[in-house]
Every structure is written in structure tokens, then in C-alpha cells.
Amino acid sequence: MNPLDLLKNLNIEELKKKSDEMVSRLKEITVTGEAGSGFVKVTINGEFTIISIEYEDNDFIRNDIPTFRDLIILAQNDAVAKMRQEIQRKFSTNLIPGLF
């Protein structure tokens, strides 16, 4: 099948409506990434914006700031990976049917 044939039947208004719905739904999705066995947790939304950072307050944080920063980065990276999976799961239907 020629991919350009798919574009002949494309309804631009319907595509725009589906796209707008997806963007709106993205704002509602949240996931939490963890590092250090849950010592640090970072929650992001579907726009990959950090919503919150939670951590266990103890002497470790006060005495080893560089490692604490690394745990925040690891938790953020974990959250991003989870969000990518969640977006793929929720939006597995295609905007352009037959394209993928």
C-alpha cells in the first residue's frame, strides 16, 4: 500500500479534534518515578512537567547532597520512562488509521 493513499482519505478536522483531545488528556495523566528504593519520588504529568518531589528527610540528605541530587535525577528519569509507556498504552489508537 502506498502511504500517500492514506492521506487522500484524511479528514483534517477530525485529526485536529483527536489531537486536541489527546493534548487535553495528557494534562490529566500523572506517574511517579522512584530512586533509592523509594527514598526519592518524582511525580510528573503528561506534559513531562514535575508536579512534586518527595523524599525521606534524614541525615543522609543533609550529609550527602551530591548523591541526593543524583537520586532526584534517577527518579525523574524513571518517571519519564513510565510516562512514555503510559502515553503509548493510552494512545495506542492511531491519529491516522492504518499509518502504523
N, C-alpha and C. Protein backbone atom coordinates (compact mmCIF):
# COMPACT_ATOMS: atom_id res chain seq x y z
N MET A 1 0.85 -1.19 0.00
CA MET A 1 0.00 0.00 0.00
C MET A 1 0.89 1.24 0.00
N ASN A 2 0.51 2.18 -0.78
CA ASN A 2 1.22 3.44 -0.87
C ASN A 2 0.79 4.33 0.31
N PRO A 3 1.74 4.78 1.13
CA PRO A 3 1.38 5.63 2.28
C PRO A 3 0.64 6.90 1.89
N LEU A 4 0.89 7.39 0.72
CA LEU A 4 0.22 8.62 0.27
C LEU A 4 -1.27 8.38 0.03
N ASP A 5 -1.66 7.12 -0.23
CA ASP A 5 -3.08 6.80 -0.38
C ASP A 5 -3.83 7.07 0.91
N LEU A 6 -3.17 6.90 2.06
CA LEU A 6 -3.81 7.16 3.35
C LEU A 6 -4.18 8.63 3.50
N LEU A 7 -3.34 9.49 2.95
CA LEU A 7 -3.57 10.92 3.07
C LEU A 7 -4.75 11.41 2.24
N LYS A 8 -5.09 10.66 1.19
CA LYS A 8 -6.21 11.06 0.34
C LYS A 8 -7.52 11.06 1.11
N ASN A 9 -7.65 10.12 2.05
CA ASN A 9 -8.90 9.98 2.80
C ASN A 9 -8.82 10.66 4.17
N LEU A 10 -7.82 11.45 4.38
CA LEU A 10 -7.60 12.08 5.69
C LEU A 10 -8.57 13.24 5.90
N ASN A 11 -9.24 13.21 7.03
CA ASN A 11 -10.15 14.28 7.41
C ASN A 11 -9.39 15.18 8.39
N ILE A 12 -8.95 16.32 7.93
CA ILE A 12 -8.11 17.22 8.72
C ILE A 12 -8.84 17.70 9.97
N GLU A 13 -10.11 18.00 9.87
CA GLU A 13 -10.87 18.46 11.03
C GLU A 13 -10.95 17.38 12.10
N GLU A 14 -11.18 16.15 11.68
CA GLU A 14 -11.24 15.03 12.64
C GLU A 14 -9.88 14.81 13.28
N LEU A 15 -8.83 14.91 12.49
CA LEU A 15 -7.47 14.76 13.01
C LEU A 15 -7.17 15.85 14.04
N LYS A 16 -7.55 17.08 13.76
CA LYS A 16 -7.33 18.18 14.70
C LYS A 16 -8.11 17.95 15.99
N LYS A 17 -9.35 17.48 15.87
CA LYS A 17 -10.16 17.21 17.05
C LYS A 17 -9.53 16.12 17.91
N LYS A 18 -9.07 15.04 17.29
CA LYS A 18 -8.41 13.95 18.03
C LYS A 18 -7.13 14.44 18.69
N SER A 19 -6.39 15.27 17.98
CA SER A 19 -5.14 15.81 18.51
C SER A 19 -5.41 16.68 19.73
N ASP A 20 -6.42 17.54 19.65
CA ASP A 20 -6.78 18.41 20.77
C ASP A 20 -7.22 17.59 21.98
N GLU A 21 -7.98 16.52 21.72
CA GLU A 21 -8.42 15.64 22.81
C GLU A 21 -7.22 14.97 23.49
N MET A 22 -6.25 14.55 22.69
CA MET A 22 -5.06 13.90 23.24
C MET A 22 -4.28 14.87 24.13
N VAL A 23 -4.11 16.08 23.66
CA VAL A 23 -3.36 17.08 24.44
C VAL A 23 -4.07 17.36 25.75
N SER A 24 -5.38 17.46 25.70
CA SER A 24 -6.16 17.69 26.91
C SER A 24 -6.02 16.52 27.89
N ARG A 25 -6.06 15.30 27.39
CA ARG A 25 -5.94 14.12 28.24
C ARG A 25 -4.53 13.99 28.82
N LEU A 26 -3.53 14.47 28.11
CA LEU A 26 -2.15 14.39 28.61
C LEU A 26 -2.00 15.12 29.94
N LYS A 27 -2.68 16.23 30.07
CA LYS A 27 -2.57 17.04 31.29
C LYS A 27 -3.10 16.30 32.50
N GLU A 28 -3.98 15.32 32.28
CA GLU A 28 -4.61 14.58 33.38
C GLU A 28 -3.79 13.37 33.84
N ILE A 29 -2.85 12.93 33.03
CA ILE A 29 -2.07 11.74 33.35
C ILE A 29 -0.92 12.12 34.28
N THR A 30 -0.73 11.35 35.35
CA THR A 30 0.43 11.54 36.22
C THR A 30 1.06 10.18 36.50
N VAL A 31 2.36 10.17 36.63
CA VAL A 31 3.11 8.98 37.03
C VAL A 31 4.18 9.41 38.02
N THR A 32 4.63 8.43 38.83
CA THR A 32 5.67 8.69 39.81
C THR A 32 6.85 7.78 39.57
N GLY A 33 8.03 8.39 39.47
CA GLY A 33 9.27 7.64 39.35
C GLY A 33 9.96 7.60 40.70
N GLU A 34 10.72 6.53 40.92
CA GLU A 34 11.39 6.37 42.21
C GLU A 34 12.88 6.07 42.02
N ALA A 35 13.63 6.38 43.06
CA ALA A 35 15.05 6.04 43.10
C ALA A 35 15.42 5.73 44.54
N GLY A 36 16.47 4.94 44.70
CA GLY A 36 16.92 4.60 46.05
C GLY A 36 15.86 3.81 46.81
N SER A 37 15.24 2.84 46.13
CA SER A 37 14.19 2.01 46.75
C SER A 37 13.05 2.85 47.33
N GLY A 38 12.69 3.89 46.61
CA GLY A 38 11.59 4.74 47.04
C GLY A 38 12.00 5.88 47.95
N PHE A 39 13.29 6.03 48.18
CA PHE A 39 13.80 7.11 49.02
C PHE A 39 13.42 8.47 48.45
N VAL A 40 13.51 8.57 47.11
CA VAL A 40 13.14 9.80 46.41
C VAL A 40 12.07 9.45 45.39
N LYS A 41 11.01 10.27 45.31
CA LYS A 41 9.93 10.06 44.36
C LYS A 41 9.66 11.37 43.62
N VAL A 42 9.56 11.27 42.30
CA VAL A 42 9.26 12.43 41.46
C VAL A 42 7.99 12.12 40.68
N THR A 43 7.01 13.00 40.76
CA THR A 43 5.76 12.84 40.03
C THR A 43 5.70 13.87 38.92
N ILE A 44 5.36 13.40 37.71
CA ILE A 44 5.25 14.29 36.55
C ILE A 44 3.88 14.10 35.91
N ASN A 45 3.49 15.08 35.08
CA ASN A 45 2.26 14.94 34.31
C ASN A 45 2.61 14.58 32.87
N GLY A 46 1.56 14.43 32.06
CA GLY A 46 1.75 14.02 30.67
C GLY A 46 2.46 15.04 29.80
N GLU A 47 2.66 16.22 30.31
CA GLU A 47 3.45 17.23 29.60
C GLU A 47 4.90 17.21 30.09
N PHE A 48 5.24 16.19 30.88
CA PHE A 48 6.58 15.99 31.43
C PHE A 48 7.01 17.12 32.36
N THR A 49 6.04 17.73 33.00
CA THR A 49 6.29 18.77 33.99
C THR A 49 6.29 18.14 35.37
N ILE A 50 7.28 18.48 36.19
CA ILE A 50 7.34 17.94 37.54
C ILE A 50 6.21 18.53 38.36
N ILE A 51 5.44 17.65 38.99
CA ILE A 51 4.33 18.05 39.85
C ILE A 51 4.82 18.10 41.30
N SER A 52 5.61 17.09 41.70
CA SER A 52 6.10 17.06 43.07
C SER A 52 7.37 16.22 43.18
N ILE A 53 8.14 16.54 44.21
CA ILE A 53 9.31 15.74 44.59
C ILE A 53 9.15 15.43 46.07
N GLU A 54 9.17 14.14 46.38
CA GLU A 54 9.05 13.71 47.77
C GLU A 54 10.31 12.94 48.14
N TYR A 55 10.72 13.06 49.40
CA TYR A 55 11.90 12.32 49.86
C TYR A 55 11.81 12.13 51.36
N GLU A 56 12.54 11.13 51.82
CA GLU A 56 12.62 10.88 53.26
C GLU A 56 13.69 11.80 53.84
N ASP A 57 13.29 12.65 54.73
CA ASP A 57 14.23 13.59 55.35
C ASP A 57 15.02 12.88 56.45
N ASN A 58 16.33 12.85 56.26
CA ASN A 58 17.19 12.22 57.27
C ASN A 58 18.61 12.77 57.15
N ASP A 59 19.52 12.22 57.93
CA ASP A 59 20.91 12.69 57.93
C ASP A 59 21.59 12.51 56.57
N PHE A 60 21.19 11.48 55.84
CA PHE A 60 21.79 11.23 54.53
C PHE A 60 21.66 12.46 53.64
N ILE A 61 20.47 13.03 53.61
CA ILE A 61 20.24 14.20 52.75
C ILE A 61 21.12 15.36 53.19
N ARG A 62 21.19 15.58 54.45
CA ARG A 62 21.98 16.71 54.94
C ARG A 62 23.48 16.50 54.76
N ASN A 63 23.93 15.25 54.71
CA ASN A 63 25.37 14.97 54.65
C ASN A 63 25.89 14.61 53.26
N ASP A 64 25.01 14.27 52.33
CA ASP A 64 25.48 13.84 51.01
C ASP A 64 24.59 14.42 49.90
N ILE A 65 24.66 15.72 49.75
CA ILE A 65 23.84 16.43 48.77
C ILE A 65 24.11 15.94 47.33
N PRO A 66 25.36 15.70 46.92
CA PRO A 66 25.58 15.23 45.53
C PRO A 66 24.85 13.92 45.23
N THR A 67 24.85 12.99 46.15
CA THR A 67 24.15 11.73 45.93
C THR A 67 22.64 11.96 45.93
N PHE A 68 22.17 12.84 46.79
CA PHE A 68 20.75 13.18 46.83
C PHE A 68 20.30 13.76 45.48
N ARG A 69 21.12 14.63 44.91
CA ARG A 69 20.81 15.19 43.59
C ARG A 69 20.73 14.09 42.54
N ASP A 70 21.68 13.15 42.61
CA ASP A 70 21.67 12.03 41.66
C ASP A 70 20.40 11.21 41.79
N LEU A 71 19.93 11.00 43.01
CA LEU A 71 18.69 10.25 43.22
C LEU A 71 17.48 10.98 42.63
N ILE A 72 17.49 12.29 42.73
CA ILE A 72 16.41 13.08 42.13
C ILE A 72 16.42 12.90 40.61
N ILE A 73 17.59 12.96 40.02
CA ILE A 73 17.72 12.78 38.56
C ILE A 73 17.27 11.38 38.16
N LEU A 74 17.69 10.36 38.91
CA LEU A 74 17.28 8.99 38.61
C LEU A 74 15.76 8.82 38.73
N ALA A 75 15.17 9.42 39.75
CA ALA A 75 13.72 9.33 39.93
C ALA A 75 13.00 10.04 38.78
N GLN A 76 13.51 11.18 38.35
CA GLN A 76 12.94 11.91 37.22
C GLN A 76 13.02 11.06 35.95
N ASN A 77 14.17 10.46 35.70
CA ASN A 77 14.34 9.61 34.52
C ASN A 77 13.39 8.42 34.56
N ASP A 78 13.19 7.85 35.73
CA ASP A 78 12.26 6.74 35.90
C ASP A 78 10.84 7.20 35.59
N ALA A 79 10.47 8.37 36.06
CA ALA A 79 9.14 8.91 35.80
C ALA A 79 8.93 9.15 34.30
N VAL A 80 9.94 9.67 33.62
CA VAL A 80 9.83 9.92 32.18
C VAL A 80 9.65 8.61 31.43
N ALA A 81 10.40 7.58 31.79
CA ALA A 81 10.25 6.28 31.14
C ALA A 81 8.85 5.72 31.37
N LYS A 82 8.35 5.84 32.59
CA LYS A 82 6.99 5.38 32.89
C LYS A 82 5.96 6.18 32.11
N MET A 83 6.17 7.48 31.98
CA MET A 83 5.21 8.32 31.25
C MET A 83 5.18 7.93 29.79
N ARG A 84 6.32 7.67 29.20
CA ARG A 84 6.35 7.26 27.79
C ARG A 84 5.54 5.98 27.59
N GLN A 85 5.71 5.03 28.51
CA GLN A 85 4.95 3.78 28.42
C GLN A 85 3.46 4.04 28.59
N GLU A 86 3.10 4.91 29.52
CA GLU A 86 1.70 5.21 29.78
C GLU A 86 1.06 5.91 28.58
N ILE A 87 1.77 6.83 27.98
CA ILE A 87 1.25 7.53 26.80
C ILE A 87 1.05 6.54 25.66
N GLN A 88 2.02 5.68 25.47
CA GLN A 88 1.89 4.68 24.41
C GLN A 88 0.70 3.76 24.67
N ARG A 89 0.50 3.37 25.92
CA ARG A 89 -0.61 2.49 26.27
C ARG A 89 -1.96 3.19 26.05
N LYS A 90 -2.07 4.43 26.52
CA LYS A 90 -3.34 5.16 26.43
C LYS A 90 -3.68 5.61 25.01
N PHE A 91 -2.66 5.90 24.23
CA PHE A 91 -2.89 6.46 22.90
C PHE A 91 -2.43 5.51 21.80
N SER A 92 -2.61 4.22 22.05
CA SER A 92 -2.17 3.25 21.05
C SER A 92 -3.03 3.28 19.79
N THR A 93 -4.22 3.88 19.90
CA THR A 93 -5.02 4.07 18.68
C THR A 93 -4.36 5.18 17.88
N ASN A 94 -4.36 5.02 16.62
CA ASN A 94 -3.64 5.97 15.77
C ASN A 94 -4.47 7.19 15.42
N LEU A 95 -3.81 8.31 15.32
CA LEU A 95 -4.48 9.50 14.81
C LEU A 95 -4.87 9.31 13.35
N ILE A 96 -3.97 8.69 12.60
CA ILE A 96 -4.24 8.40 11.19
C ILE A 96 -4.36 6.89 11.06
N PRO A 97 -5.58 6.35 10.98
CA PRO A 97 -5.76 4.90 10.90
C PRO A 97 -4.97 4.30 9.75
N GLY A 98 -4.30 3.19 10.05
CA GLY A 98 -3.53 2.48 9.03
C GLY A 98 -2.13 2.99 8.85
N LEU A 99 -1.76 4.08 9.52
CA LEU A 99 -0.43 4.64 9.33
C LEU A 99 0.64 3.79 10.01
N PHE A 100 0.35 3.26 11.20
CA PHE A 100 1.34 2.47 11.94
C PHE A 100 0.88 1.04 12.08
